[in-house]
Amino acid sequence: MQFNQLFILKKLTNILDSKEKIIIFTFIFLTLINHSIVSLFHFHECDSSDVYKYLTDSSIFSRGHWIGHIWKTGSIFTPFRYLLALVAEIIPFEFVKSLLFLSFKMTYPPLSGFVYGLYLPDSFGDFYEYASFINIFFFILLMFLFYQSLKFLGISKYISFICSFGLLGLYSINSYTYHLGSSIWFIYGSLLSISSTIFFHNKASKYGFCLSLITSYPSLVHFFSHNLYFYFKRISKIKLISINSRRKFLLDKLIALIKFNKLGFLTFFLVIIFFLPFNSGQRIPFDYRGFFTPFAFLPQYSKISILTLSNSFIILFLCIFTVYKRLKDNIKFSISYKKSQSLKFALDVTIINLIFIVLLICFGQLSFGLTRHSLFIQPYIFFLVAVGLQIIYLDLEKKFSRFFLFKKLLTIICITFLVVVSCYSSYLRFDPLKINEIPIKIREFAAKNQTNTISLVDCDTHYLYNDFSEIRATYNKKDPYTYVPLDFIGKRLLVSQSIKEIENFSLNLKKGDELITKYKNVRITLIEDPYFQENNVFFDSMNYNKKSILYGKRDNPYSRSNSIYIFPIEVISSNQKISS
């Protein structure tokens, strides 16, 4: 009888495991399909087109270009970076060059340049489809690893699923999977770093750390925190009387630590010497709203919603609750001793890592506010949240025997909510030029432009790759427009996602009106009716500020909206007459 009960229990466990796999891989498949479809309509920023430009335009990689950028990253390792850049010039493999040069020209980690450089079609639109798929593929892969890591620590599969795959339901993280920037790679690095720390007993974690270090610069802080804690944990267990013996012991332990993970330390120092952009951590002043906006489900426009505030306070409470429980050494899961040690170790490393991050923010070395530059912290936050939820769940399970059924229902409701809001927020970020027809007068005007020139007033370089003579935007223009400044004489389109250069902007502007700008030596006149679509939805959950003059209704310059302003203009000298 006992044998039959054990056999049935084992079969039920296998069925549950099979169902879990089916649910997980169905979710992954549907996410990939959904992301691929949305990417066809999602709006762009200049960062995405700049990646394509830097990877395909060899003139960008002239010696003067990369030398100028290397100086910006700090002079301490300049000779080494010069040497590597010179060697890179003679490397025959383009994807290896992209690994090096994209990091030299931008704040991108080495792995992103390598992966993006594997496929370089002859149009930006096709490249974007490939790169955005790479983004979601890597993200899903690492969310799955994070999910397995949480389960390994004894955290319920329901909580693990919400705290790993649920990251896609957050507005900012979801939006940056469509953005070809370094931010999403920094999030990858955080997921990989946490998982490597959780599985630190496994030899494969050494390779996980190496991969995270070339994926994300913030992973340098995690790697340092991990090894610092590991070192002090080792030496704190042994007490020595002799000072000389103590010094020898400390040195021996340090050497042993480096030998144990020599590949990780080698990668750590190579990234610092050759790639780390030293002068790029501080982008914006500290903004307390950064405690709330990363946890938004929908665009916040100019005011943080009650839903976002509520979600933020719950998440921050769970983090503080977990830290408190760990300090009291009062986290008891029904797991093996080895897994229990991994849980404590991972929590301690995460707390130390967050302390270092806070110190870097306080000393002006990292940004914290409304921008994407602090999103890499999210996986650490959700690791603490997962542990906190598991503690609360175990307490509730003791008091309510049928709480298991309630947990299933809560998980279904939560995941359904996250999927619905993420799809809706993705819809809000659709490019107006991809879903609406470009007015025929503007298309005809663009078709007659024999000079193939265009003016941009902000970071709008992706418009260089769109043919405005077509009905809808595809960003597949094989012969990109040539950018010319606004005061350049001639007829062309002026295209932008903001109107900060147009001092007399009004939605009532029409053919024949003159645009007032800072350029007083020229007259800029509309020779056709302009086209406007104002949406004020950004990659970041919040950046709209209608009172801002400096950034054109934005709090900061690091995130553009999916608004569009197209002006068919003629620019002439201020003492000339407009042609008919």
Protein backbone atom coordinates (compact mmCIF):
# COMPACT_ATOMS: atom_id res chain seq x y z
CA MET A 1 0.00 0.00 0.00
CA GLN A 2 2.81 2.38 0.94
CA PHE A 3 4.63 1.50 -2.31
CA ASN A 4 1.49 2.31 -4.35
CA GLN A 5 1.11 5.65 -2.58
CA LEU A 6 4.72 6.54 -3.31
CA PHE A 7 4.33 5.47 -6.95
CA ILE A 8 1.19 7.60 -7.39
CA LEU A 9 2.86 10.56 -5.69
CA LYS A 10 5.83 10.26 -8.02
CA LYS A 11 3.56 10.08 -11.09
CA LEU A 12 1.64 13.16 -9.93
CA THR A 13 4.92 15.00 -9.43
CA ASN A 14 6.00 14.08 -12.95
CA ILE A 15 2.66 15.27 -14.32
CA LEU A 16 3.00 18.57 -12.47
CA ASP A 17 6.54 18.96 -13.80
CA SER A 18 5.33 18.22 -17.32
CA LYS A 19 2.52 20.74 -16.97
CA GLU A 20 4.98 23.28 -15.65
CA LYS A 21 7.24 22.78 -18.67
CA ILE A 22 4.31 23.08 -21.06
CA ILE A 23 3.13 26.30 -19.38
CA ILE A 24 6.63 27.80 -19.31
CA PHE A 25 7.49 27.03 -22.91
CA THR A 26 4.03 28.05 -24.15
CA PHE A 27 4.49 31.38 -22.37
CA ILE A 28 7.96 31.76 -23.88
CA PHE A 29 6.73 30.94 -27.38
CA LEU A 30 3.81 33.38 -27.17
CA THR A 31 6.10 36.07 -25.77
CA LEU A 32 8.50 35.66 -28.69
CA ILE A 33 5.65 35.85 -31.20
CA ASN A 34 4.08 38.87 -29.51
CA HIS A 35 7.41 40.71 -29.26
CA SER A 36 8.23 40.02 -32.91
CA ILE A 37 4.86 41.40 -34.03
CA VAL A 38 5.04 44.48 -31.78
CA SER A 39 8.59 45.25 -32.98
CA LEU A 40 7.17 45.75 -36.48
CA PHE A 41 5.21 48.75 -35.19
CA HIS A 42 7.26 49.99 -32.24
CA PHE A 43 8.79 53.45 -32.45
CA HIS A 44 12.55 54.06 -32.51
CA GLU A 45 15.10 56.25 -30.82
CA CYS A 46 18.42 57.44 -32.15
CA ASP A 47 20.37 54.95 -30.02
CA SER A 48 19.03 52.09 -32.13
CA SER A 49 19.92 53.71 -35.44
CA ASP A 50 23.30 54.84 -34.10
CA VAL A 51 24.19 51.21 -33.37
CA TYR A 52 23.44 50.34 -36.99
CA LYS A 53 25.38 53.36 -38.23
CA TYR A 54 28.43 52.57 -36.13
CA LEU A 55 28.39 48.92 -37.19
CA THR A 56 28.00 49.57 -40.92
CA ASP A 57 29.75 52.86 -41.62
CA SER A 58 33.49 52.21 -41.66
CA SER A 59 34.22 55.95 -41.73
CA ILE A 60 32.83 56.18 -38.20
CA PHE A 61 35.75 54.04 -37.12
CA SER A 62 38.42 56.34 -38.46
CA ARG A 63 41.30 56.81 -36.08
CA GLY A 64 40.19 60.32 -35.16
CA HIS A 65 36.72 59.16 -34.17
CA TRP A 66 37.68 56.43 -31.74
CA ILE A 67 40.66 58.33 -30.34
CA GLY A 68 38.33 61.20 -29.46
CA HIS A 69 35.98 58.84 -27.66
CA ILE A 70 38.77 57.03 -25.80
CA TRP A 71 39.90 60.34 -24.30
CA LYS A 72 36.37 60.86 -22.95
CA THR A 73 36.50 57.59 -21.00
CA GLY A 74 39.47 58.69 -18.92
CA SER A 75 43.18 58.84 -19.59
CA ILE A 76 44.30 56.22 -17.06
CA PHE A 77 44.09 53.28 -19.49
CA THR A 78 44.33 55.27 -22.72
CA PRO A 79 47.57 53.63 -24.01
CA PHE A 80 46.08 50.15 -23.68
CA ARG A 81 42.90 51.18 -25.48
CA TYR A 82 44.87 52.84 -28.26
CA LEU A 83 46.82 49.64 -28.75
CA LEU A 84 43.70 47.47 -28.86
CA ALA A 85 41.98 49.85 -31.31
CA LEU A 86 45.02 49.79 -33.61
CA VAL A 87 45.04 45.99 -33.55
CA ALA A 88 41.29 45.95 -34.24
CA GLU A 89 41.81 47.95 -37.45
CA ILE A 90 43.64 45.02 -39.06
CA ILE A 91 41.27 42.27 -37.86
CA PRO A 92 39.54 40.81 -40.95
CA PHE A 93 36.39 39.65 -39.11
CA GLU A 94 33.71 42.33 -38.95
CA PHE A 95 31.85 40.84 -35.96
CA VAL A 96 35.08 40.94 -33.92
CA LYS A 97 35.59 44.56 -34.94
CA SER A 98 32.03 45.36 -33.89
CA LEU A 99 32.73 43.86 -30.46
CA LEU A 100 35.61 46.29 -29.97
CA PHE A 101 34.54 49.43 -31.79
CA LEU A 102 30.97 49.63 -30.50
CA SER A 103 32.39 49.66 -26.97
CA PHE A 104 34.96 52.29 -27.96
CA LYS A 105 32.36 54.58 -29.55
CA MET A 106 29.48 54.12 -27.09
CA THR A 107 28.87 52.88 -23.54
CA TYR A 108 27.94 49.43 -24.83
CA PRO A 109 29.47 46.31 -23.24
CA PRO A 110 31.59 44.08 -25.52
CA LEU A 111 29.08 41.23 -25.91
CA SER A 112 26.37 43.51 -27.32
CA GLY A 113 28.62 44.69 -30.15
CA PHE A 114 29.60 41.11 -30.94
CA VAL A 115 26.00 39.82 -31.06
CA TYR A 116 24.56 42.80 -32.95
CA GLY A 117 27.46 42.63 -35.40
CA LEU A 118 26.76 39.02 -36.40
CA TYR A 119 24.10 40.12 -38.91
CA LEU A 120 24.32 43.43 -40.75
CA PRO A 121 21.74 43.71 -43.57
CA ASP A 122 21.70 46.65 -45.97
CA SER A 123 18.79 48.43 -44.26
CA PHE A 124 18.19 49.67 -40.74
CA GLY A 125 14.64 48.27 -40.60
CA ASP A 126 15.82 44.71 -41.22
CA PHE A 127 18.67 45.11 -38.75
CA TYR A 128 16.28 46.37 -36.09
CA GLU A 129 14.03 43.32 -36.50
CA TYR A 130 17.03 41.05 -35.97
CA ALA A 131 18.44 43.02 -33.02
CA SER A 132 15.11 43.40 -31.20
CA PHE A 133 14.56 39.63 -31.54
CA ILE A 134 18.02 39.10 -30.04
CA ASN A 135 16.99 41.37 -27.17
CA ILE A 136 13.90 39.38 -26.24
CA PHE A 137 15.60 36.03 -26.88
CA PHE A 138 18.41 36.81 -24.44
CA PHE A 139 15.97 38.30 -21.95
CA ILE A 140 13.73 35.23 -21.96
CA LEU A 141 16.75 32.94 -21.67
CA LEU A 142 18.02 34.81 -18.61
CA MET A 143 14.57 35.15 -17.05
CA PHE A 144 14.28 31.38 -17.33
CA LEU A 145 17.68 30.99 -15.65
CA PHE A 146 16.55 33.38 -12.90
CA TYR A 147 13.32 31.39 -12.52
CA GLN A 148 15.29 28.16 -12.07
CA SER A 149 17.64 29.89 -9.64
CA LEU A 150 14.76 31.02 -7.43
CA LYS A 151 13.25 27.54 -7.47
CA PHE A 152 16.64 26.09 -6.53
CA LEU A 153 16.51 28.16 -3.32
CA GLY A 154 13.19 26.63 -2.35
CA ILE A 155 11.00 29.48 -3.54
CA SER A 156 7.59 28.41 -4.83
CA LYS A 157 7.38 28.02 -8.60
CA TYR A 158 4.44 30.43 -8.64
CA ILE A 159 6.38 33.15 -6.85
CA SER A 160 9.46 32.36 -8.95
CA PHE A 161 7.46 32.74 -12.15
CA ILE A 162 5.98 36.10 -11.13
CA CYS A 163 9.32 37.51 -9.93
CA SER A 164 11.22 36.39 -13.04
CA PHE A 165 8.98 36.41 -16.10
CA GLY A 166 6.84 39.09 -14.47
CA LEU A 167 9.66 41.58 -15.06
CA LEU A 168 8.36 41.89 -18.62
CA GLY A 169 5.15 43.37 -17.23
CA LEU A 170 6.95 46.45 -15.92
CA TYR A 171 6.63 49.31 -18.37
CA SER A 172 10.26 50.44 -18.57
CA ILE A 173 11.81 46.99 -18.77
CA ASN A 174 9.29 45.92 -21.39
CA SER A 175 9.91 49.01 -23.51
CA TYR A 176 13.70 48.69 -23.41
CA THR A 177 13.53 45.21 -24.92
CA TYR A 178 12.64 47.17 -28.09
CA HIS A 179 15.55 49.56 -27.63
CA LEU A 180 19.01 48.75 -29.00
CA GLY A 181 20.85 50.32 -26.10
CA SER A 182 23.11 49.19 -23.30
CA SER A 183 20.37 49.34 -20.64
CA ILE A 184 18.78 46.02 -21.54
CA TRP A 185 22.22 44.40 -21.57
CA PHE A 186 22.88 45.74 -18.09
CA ILE A 187 19.66 44.03 -16.95
CA TYR A 188 20.87 40.79 -18.57
CA GLY A 189 24.09 41.13 -16.59
CA SER A 190 22.22 41.54 -13.31
CA LEU A 191 20.10 38.44 -13.94
CA LEU A 192 23.18 36.44 -14.87
CA SER A 193 25.18 37.73 -11.89
CA ILE A 194 22.49 36.82 -9.35
CA SER A 195 22.06 33.36 -10.85
CA SER A 196 25.83 32.79 -10.83
CA THR A 197 25.98 33.75 -7.15
CA ILE A 198 23.08 31.43 -6.31
CA PHE A 199 24.83 28.54 -8.06
CA PHE A 200 28.27 29.49 -6.75
CA HIS A 201 28.88 25.86 -5.67
CA ASN A 202 28.59 24.86 -9.32
CA LYS A 203 31.72 25.14 -11.48
CA ALA A 204 29.62 26.61 -14.30
CA SER A 205 29.09 29.76 -12.20
CA LYS A 206 32.66 30.80 -13.06
CA TYR A 207 31.68 31.04 -16.72
CA GLY A 208 28.45 32.77 -15.73
CA PHE A 209 30.44 35.54 -14.06
CA CYS A 210 32.71 35.90 -17.11
CA LEU A 211 29.69 36.21 -19.35
CA SER A 212 28.01 38.74 -17.07
CA LEU A 213 31.16 40.89 -16.98
CA ILE A 214 31.24 41.28 -20.77
CA THR A 215 27.47 41.78 -20.81
CA SER A 216 27.13 44.55 -18.26
CA TYR A 217 29.41 47.11 -16.63
CA PRO A 218 27.38 47.15 -13.36
CA SER A 219 28.23 43.44 -13.08
CA LEU A 220 31.72 44.58 -12.13
CA VAL A 221 30.26 45.83 -8.85
CA HIS A 222 28.44 42.54 -8.26
CA PHE A 223 31.55 40.48 -9.04
CA PHE A 224 33.57 42.59 -6.61
CA SER A 225 30.86 42.25 -3.92
CA HIS A 226 30.63 38.49 -4.44
CA ASN A 227 34.36 37.89 -4.07
CA LEU A 228 34.83 40.40 -1.26
CA TYR A 229 32.14 38.70 0.81
CA PHE A 230 33.42 35.24 -0.11
CA TYR A 231 36.93 36.24 0.99
CA PHE A 232 35.89 37.71 4.34
CA LYS A 233 33.59 34.77 4.98
CA ARG A 234 36.56 32.45 4.55
CA ILE A 235 39.01 34.36 6.74
CA SER A 236 36.50 35.11 9.50
CA LYS A 237 36.24 31.43 10.42
CA ILE A 238 39.86 31.08 11.49
CA LYS A 239 41.53 32.94 14.34
CA LEU A 240 45.30 33.32 14.38
CA ILE A 241 47.51 34.59 17.16
CA SER A 242 50.70 35.44 15.32
CA ILE A 243 50.60 38.65 13.25
CA ASN A 244 53.05 37.23 10.70
CA SER A 245 51.00 34.06 10.42
CA ARG A 246 47.85 36.13 10.03
CA ARG A 247 49.35 38.13 7.16
CA LYS A 248 50.53 34.99 5.42
CA PHE A 249 47.15 33.39 5.95
CA LEU A 250 45.28 36.40 4.53
CA LEU A 251 47.57 36.54 1.51
CA ASP A 252 47.29 32.80 0.90
CA LYS A 253 43.50 32.98 1.04
CA LEU A 254 43.47 35.90 -1.40
CA ILE A 255 45.72 34.04 -3.83
CA ALA A 256 43.57 30.93 -3.45
CA LEU A 257 40.44 32.98 -4.20
CA ILE A 258 41.98 34.43 -7.37
CA LYS A 259 43.18 31.00 -8.51
CA PHE A 260 39.75 29.52 -7.82
CA ASN A 261 38.14 31.99 -10.24
CA LYS A 262 41.11 33.13 -12.31
CA LEU A 263 39.05 33.35 -15.49
CA GLY A 264 36.56 35.66 -13.79
CA PHE A 265 39.28 37.92 -12.37
CA LEU A 266 41.04 38.02 -15.74
CA THR A 267 37.79 39.11 -17.42
CA PHE A 268 37.15 41.62 -14.61
CA PHE A 269 40.48 43.40 -15.13
CA LEU A 270 40.37 43.22 -18.94
CA VAL A 271 36.95 44.89 -19.00
CA ILE A 272 38.15 47.64 -16.65
CA ILE A 273 41.36 48.25 -18.60
CA PHE A 274 39.99 48.13 -22.15
CA PHE A 275 36.26 48.90 -22.09
CA LEU A 276 34.80 50.48 -18.94
CA PRO A 277 33.62 54.05 -19.77
CA PHE A 278 34.78 55.78 -16.60
CA ASN A 279 33.11 59.14 -17.17
CA SER A 280 29.61 58.02 -18.12
CA GLY A 281 27.97 56.83 -14.89
CA GLN A 282 26.41 60.11 -13.81
CA ARG A 283 23.85 61.28 -16.41
CA ILE A 284 21.22 63.09 -14.34
CA PRO A 285 20.87 64.57 -10.83
CA PHE A 286 19.29 62.39 -8.14
CA ASP A 287 15.49 62.27 -8.45
CA TYR A 288 13.40 60.64 -5.69
CA ARG A 289 10.77 59.66 -8.26
CA GLY A 290 13.21 56.96 -9.35
CA PHE A 291 12.00 54.94 -6.35
CA PHE A 292 8.56 54.63 -7.99
CA THR A 293 8.65 54.97 -11.78
CA PRO A 294 10.57 51.72 -12.48
CA PHE A 295 7.64 49.80 -10.99
CA ALA A 296 5.00 51.40 -13.23
CA PHE A 297 2.84 49.20 -15.46
CA LEU A 298 1.70 52.03 -17.74
CA PRO A 299 3.00 55.43 -18.89
CA GLN A 300 2.89 57.94 -16.02
CA TYR A 301 2.82 61.10 -18.16
CA SER A 302 3.34 64.03 -15.74
CA LYS A 303 2.10 62.45 -12.50
CA ILE A 304 2.84 59.17 -10.72
CA SER A 305 -0.38 57.15 -10.48
CA ILE A 306 -1.85 55.63 -7.32
CA LEU A 307 -1.37 52.15 -8.82
CA THR A 308 2.34 52.79 -9.34
CA LEU A 309 2.77 54.22 -5.84
CA SER A 310 0.95 51.24 -4.32
CA ASN A 311 3.01 48.73 -6.28
CA SER A 312 6.23 50.55 -5.38
CA PHE A 313 5.48 50.63 -1.65
CA ILE A 314 4.60 46.91 -1.64
CA ILE A 315 7.83 46.02 -3.46
CA LEU A 316 9.99 48.25 -1.27
CA PHE A 317 8.31 46.87 1.87
CA LEU A 318 9.04 43.29 0.78
CA CYS A 319 12.69 44.22 0.16
CA ILE A 320 13.06 45.79 3.61
CA PHE A 321 11.22 42.84 5.16
CA THR A 322 13.62 40.36 3.52
CA VAL A 323 16.70 42.32 4.61
CA TYR A 324 15.33 42.51 8.16
CA LYS A 325 14.70 38.75 8.24
CA ARG A 326 18.20 38.07 6.94
CA LEU A 327 19.82 40.34 9.53
CA LYS A 328 17.87 38.46 12.19
CA ASP A 329 18.94 35.17 10.56
CA ASN A 330 15.29 34.18 10.55
CA ILE A 331 14.76 32.82 7.03
CA LYS A 332 13.90 29.15 7.24
CA PHE A 333 12.92 27.28 4.08
CA SER A 334 12.50 23.51 3.89
CA ILE A 335 15.58 22.95 1.74
CA SER A 336 18.87 21.11 2.04
CA TYR A 337 21.80 22.58 3.95
CA LYS A 338 23.67 23.28 0.71
CA LYS A 339 20.74 25.20 -0.76
CA SER A 340 20.22 27.01 2.53
CA GLN A 341 23.83 28.19 2.42
CA SER A 342 23.34 29.34 -1.19
CA LEU A 343 20.27 31.33 -0.14
CA LYS A 344 22.09 33.09 2.70
CA PHE A 345 25.15 33.71 0.56
CA ALA A 346 23.10 35.13 -2.34
CA LEU A 347 21.13 37.41 0.00
CA ASP A 348 24.29 38.70 1.67
CA VAL A 349 26.00 39.37 -1.67
CA THR A 350 22.88 41.12 -2.99
CA ILE A 351 22.67 43.36 0.08
CA ILE A 352 26.38 44.23 -0.12
CA ASN A 353 26.06 44.88 -3.85
CA LEU A 354 23.12 47.24 -3.28
CA ILE A 355 25.09 49.06 -0.56
CA PHE A 356 27.94 49.64 -3.03
CA ILE A 357 25.45 50.85 -5.66
CA VAL A 358 23.94 53.31 -3.15
CA LEU A 359 27.42 54.60 -2.32
CA LEU A 360 28.22 55.06 -6.02
CA ILE A 361 24.98 57.03 -6.44
CA CYS A 362 25.78 59.16 -3.39
CA PHE A 363 29.25 59.95 -4.73
CA GLY A 364 27.90 60.90 -8.16
CA GLN A 365 29.22 57.86 -10.03
CA LEU A 366 25.83 56.38 -10.96
CA SER A 367 22.50 57.90 -12.00
CA PHE A 368 19.25 57.43 -10.13
CA GLY A 369 16.03 59.00 -11.32
CA LEU A 370 13.54 58.80 -14.15
CA THR A 371 15.96 57.49 -16.78
CA ARG A 372 16.88 53.97 -17.82
CA HIS A 373 20.32 54.13 -16.22
CA SER A 374 19.26 52.51 -12.94
CA LEU A 375 17.03 49.75 -14.35
CA PHE A 376 19.81 47.19 -13.84
CA ILE A 377 18.91 47.28 -10.11
CA GLN A 378 15.49 45.71 -10.77
CA PRO A 379 16.58 42.03 -10.79
CA TYR A 380 18.23 42.50 -7.37
CA ILE A 381 15.04 44.09 -6.06
CA PHE A 382 12.91 41.24 -7.35
CA PHE A 383 15.24 38.65 -5.87
CA LEU A 384 14.60 40.19 -2.45
CA VAL A 385 10.88 40.41 -3.25
CA ALA A 386 10.76 36.71 -4.16
CA VAL A 387 12.34 35.72 -0.83
CA GLY A 388 10.01 38.03 1.09
CA LEU A 389 6.93 36.63 -0.65
CA GLN A 390 8.07 33.07 0.09
CA ILE A 391 8.45 33.86 3.79
CA ILE A 392 4.95 35.34 3.92
CA TYR A 393 3.52 32.44 1.90
CA LEU A 394 4.98 29.85 4.28
CA ASP A 395 3.48 31.70 7.25
CA LEU A 396 0.06 31.85 5.56
CA GLU A 397 0.25 28.20 4.55
CA LYS A 398 0.67 27.22 8.19
CA LYS A 399 -2.47 29.15 9.15
CA PHE A 400 -4.62 28.33 6.08
CA SER A 401 -4.34 24.76 4.83
CA ARG A 402 -6.15 25.54 1.55
CA PHE A 403 -4.00 28.55 0.72
CA PHE A 404 -2.39 26.49 -2.07
CA LEU A 405 -5.53 26.84 -4.19
CA PHE A 406 -5.71 30.56 -3.45
CA LYS A 407 -2.07 30.91 -4.54
CA LYS A 408 -2.86 29.40 -7.94
CA LEU A 409 -5.72 31.83 -8.46
CA LEU A 410 -3.57 34.80 -7.43
CA THR A 411 -0.82 33.75 -9.83
CA ILE A 412 -3.24 33.44 -12.75
CA ILE A 413 -4.75 36.87 -11.98
CA CYS A 414 -1.33 38.46 -11.59
CA ILE A 415 0.15 37.02 -14.80
CA THR A 416 -3.01 37.84 -16.78
CA PHE A 417 -2.86 41.42 -15.51
CA LEU A 418 0.83 41.76 -16.41
CA VAL A 419 0.30 40.35 -19.91
CA VAL A 420 -2.68 42.63 -20.60
CA VAL A 421 -1.00 45.83 -19.37
CA SER A 422 2.28 45.04 -21.16
CA CYS A 423 0.43 44.50 -24.45
CA TYR A 424 -1.55 47.70 -23.95
CA SER A 425 1.54 49.74 -23.07
CA SER A 426 3.30 48.32 -26.13
CA TYR A 427 0.38 49.49 -28.26
CA LEU A 428 0.76 53.00 -26.82
CA ARG A 429 4.37 53.02 -28.05
CA PHE A 430 3.50 52.31 -31.68
CA ASP A 431 5.21 54.56 -34.20
CA PRO A 432 2.60 56.95 -35.71
CA LEU A 433 4.42 56.77 -39.06
CA LYS A 434 4.09 52.96 -39.12
CA ILE A 435 0.38 52.79 -38.37
CA ASN A 436 -0.87 55.97 -40.08
CA GLU A 437 -0.52 57.17 -43.66
CA ILE A 438 1.94 59.97 -44.24
CA PRO A 439 -0.03 62.84 -45.88
CA ILE A 440 0.22 62.75 -49.67
CA LYS A 441 1.51 66.35 -49.91
CA ILE A 442 4.47 65.44 -47.71
CA ARG A 443 5.12 62.24 -49.69
CA GLU A 444 5.10 64.18 -52.95
CA PHE A 445 7.37 66.83 -51.48
CA ALA A 446 9.84 64.16 -50.29
CA ALA A 447 9.79 62.45 -53.71
CA LYS A 448 10.76 65.72 -55.41
CA ASN A 449 13.73 66.29 -53.09
CA GLN A 450 16.62 65.55 -55.43
CA THR A 451 19.28 66.49 -52.88
CA ASN A 452 18.36 63.60 -50.54
CA THR A 453 18.81 65.88 -47.54
CA ILE A 454 16.89 66.23 -44.30
CA SER A 455 17.10 68.36 -41.16
CA LEU A 456 16.77 67.00 -37.63
CA VAL A 457 16.59 69.08 -34.46
CA ASP A 458 17.09 66.41 -31.83
CA CYS A 459 18.53 62.91 -31.54
CA ASP A 460 16.43 61.73 -34.49
CA THR A 461 18.96 59.92 -36.68
CA HIS A 462 16.62 56.95 -37.27
CA TYR A 463 14.65 59.18 -39.67
CA LEU A 464 17.66 59.21 -41.98
CA TYR A 465 16.70 55.62 -42.83
CA ASN A 466 13.02 56.21 -43.61
CA ASP A 467 11.75 57.02 -47.08
CA PHE A 468 9.13 59.73 -46.54
CA SER A 469 7.83 59.30 -50.08
CA GLU A 470 6.28 55.97 -49.01
CA ILE A 471 2.79 55.67 -47.53
CA ARG A 472 4.02 54.33 -44.18
CA ALA A 473 7.38 54.18 -42.47
CA THR A 474 9.56 51.11 -42.95
CA TYR A 475 13.02 52.53 -42.12
CA ASN A 476 14.44 50.50 -45.00
CA LYS A 477 15.85 53.34 -47.09
CA LYS A 478 18.95 51.86 -48.75
CA ASP A 479 20.42 55.29 -49.49
CA PRO A 480 19.97 57.20 -46.19
CA TYR A 481 19.23 60.90 -46.17
CA THR A 482 22.11 63.27 -45.63
CA TYR A 483 21.69 65.33 -42.50
CA VAL A 484 22.07 69.10 -42.91
CA PRO A 485 21.69 71.75 -40.19
CA LEU A 486 18.50 73.74 -39.94
CA ASP A 487 20.07 76.92 -41.34
CA PHE A 488 21.32 75.13 -44.48
CA ILE A 489 19.89 76.81 -47.61
CA GLY A 490 17.42 74.75 -49.65
CA LYS A 491 14.17 72.75 -49.64
CA ARG A 492 13.76 69.60 -47.55
CA LEU A 493 11.87 68.00 -44.70
CA LEU A 494 12.45 68.97 -41.10
CA VAL A 495 11.61 65.92 -38.98
CA SER A 496 11.76 65.50 -35.22
CA GLN A 497 10.29 63.80 -32.17
CA SER A 498 10.35 67.11 -30.30
CA ILE A 499 9.79 70.79 -31.10
CA LYS A 500 12.40 72.41 -28.89
CA GLU A 501 13.97 74.36 -31.81
CA ILE A 502 10.65 75.84 -33.01
CA GLU A 503 10.02 78.89 -30.85
CA ASN A 504 6.60 79.69 -32.32
CA PHE A 505 5.32 76.13 -32.52
CA SER A 506 1.57 75.69 -32.65
CA LEU A 507 -0.69 72.89 -33.78
CA ASN A 508 -2.30 75.50 -36.05
CA LEU A 509 0.81 76.05 -38.19
CA LYS A 510 0.04 75.83 -41.91
CA LYS A 511 1.49 76.28 -45.37
CA GLY A 512 3.07 79.71 -45.79
CA ASP A 513 3.83 80.26 -42.10
CA GLU A 514 7.36 81.13 -41.03
CA LEU A 515 9.13 79.12 -38.33
CA ILE A 516 10.98 81.15 -35.74
CA THR A 517 14.23 79.57 -34.55
CA LYS A 518 17.54 80.69 -33.08
CA TYR A 519 18.93 81.10 -36.61
CA LYS A 520 18.39 84.77 -37.44
CA ASN A 521 20.44 84.75 -40.66
CA VAL A 522 17.84 82.65 -42.50
CA ARG A 523 14.09 82.51 -43.08
CA ILE A 524 12.41 79.12 -42.66
CA THR A 525 9.02 78.87 -44.32
CA LEU A 526 6.50 76.04 -44.57
CA ILE A 527 5.82 75.30 -48.23
CA GLU A 528 3.26 72.58 -47.43
CA ASP A 529 1.04 71.88 -44.44
CA PRO A 530 3.02 70.17 -41.65
CA TYR A 531 2.09 66.85 -40.05
CA PHE A 532 1.92 66.39 -36.26
CA GLN A 533 1.12 63.47 -33.97
CA GLU A 534 1.63 64.22 -30.27
CA ASN A 535 1.56 61.21 -27.94
CA ASN A 536 4.02 61.99 -25.13
CA VAL A 537 4.71 58.32 -24.47
CA PHE A 538 8.36 57.48 -23.83
CA PHE A 539 10.61 54.47 -23.43
CA ASP A 540 10.85 55.48 -19.77
CA SER A 541 7.59 55.29 -17.87
CA MET A 542 7.82 58.99 -17.04
CA ASN A 543 9.57 61.86 -18.81
CA TYR A 544 6.79 64.22 -19.87
CA ASN A 545 7.02 67.75 -18.50
CA LYS A 546 4.92 70.29 -20.39
CA LYS A 547 6.70 73.19 -18.61
CA SER A 548 10.15 72.15 -19.79
CA ILE A 549 11.61 74.48 -22.40
CA LEU A 550 15.18 73.17 -22.49
CA TYR A 551 14.28 69.61 -23.51
CA GLY A 552 11.01 70.23 -25.35
CA LYS A 553 8.40 69.07 -22.81
CA ARG A 554 10.77 66.51 -21.30
CA ASP A 555 12.35 66.20 -17.86
CA ASN A 556 15.62 64.96 -19.32
CA PRO A 557 17.15 64.44 -22.78
CA TYR A 558 17.72 60.68 -22.48
CA SER A 559 14.31 59.49 -23.60
CA ARG A 560 12.34 60.71 -26.60
CA SER A 561 8.59 60.31 -27.11
CA ASN A 562 6.77 58.67 -29.99
CA SER A 563 5.45 62.05 -31.09
CA ILE A 564 6.26 63.10 -34.66
CA TYR A 565 6.59 66.54 -36.24
CA ILE A 566 7.19 66.85 -40.00
CA PHE A 567 7.72 70.26 -41.58
CA PRO A 568 8.17 70.65 -45.38
CA ILE A 569 10.39 73.73 -45.38
CA GLU A 570 12.33 76.08 -47.60
CA VAL A 571 15.32 77.82 -46.05
CA ILE A 572 16.64 81.00 -47.65
CA SER A 573 18.86 83.86 -46.63
CA SER A 574 17.01 86.41 -44.52
CA ASN A 575 17.29 89.05 -47.27
CA GLN A 576 15.91 86.81 -50.06
CA LYS A 577 12.36 86.12 -51.17
CA ILE A 578 10.59 82.78 -50.91
CA SER A 579 10.26 80.94 -54.23
CA SER A 580 6.79 80.09 -55.41
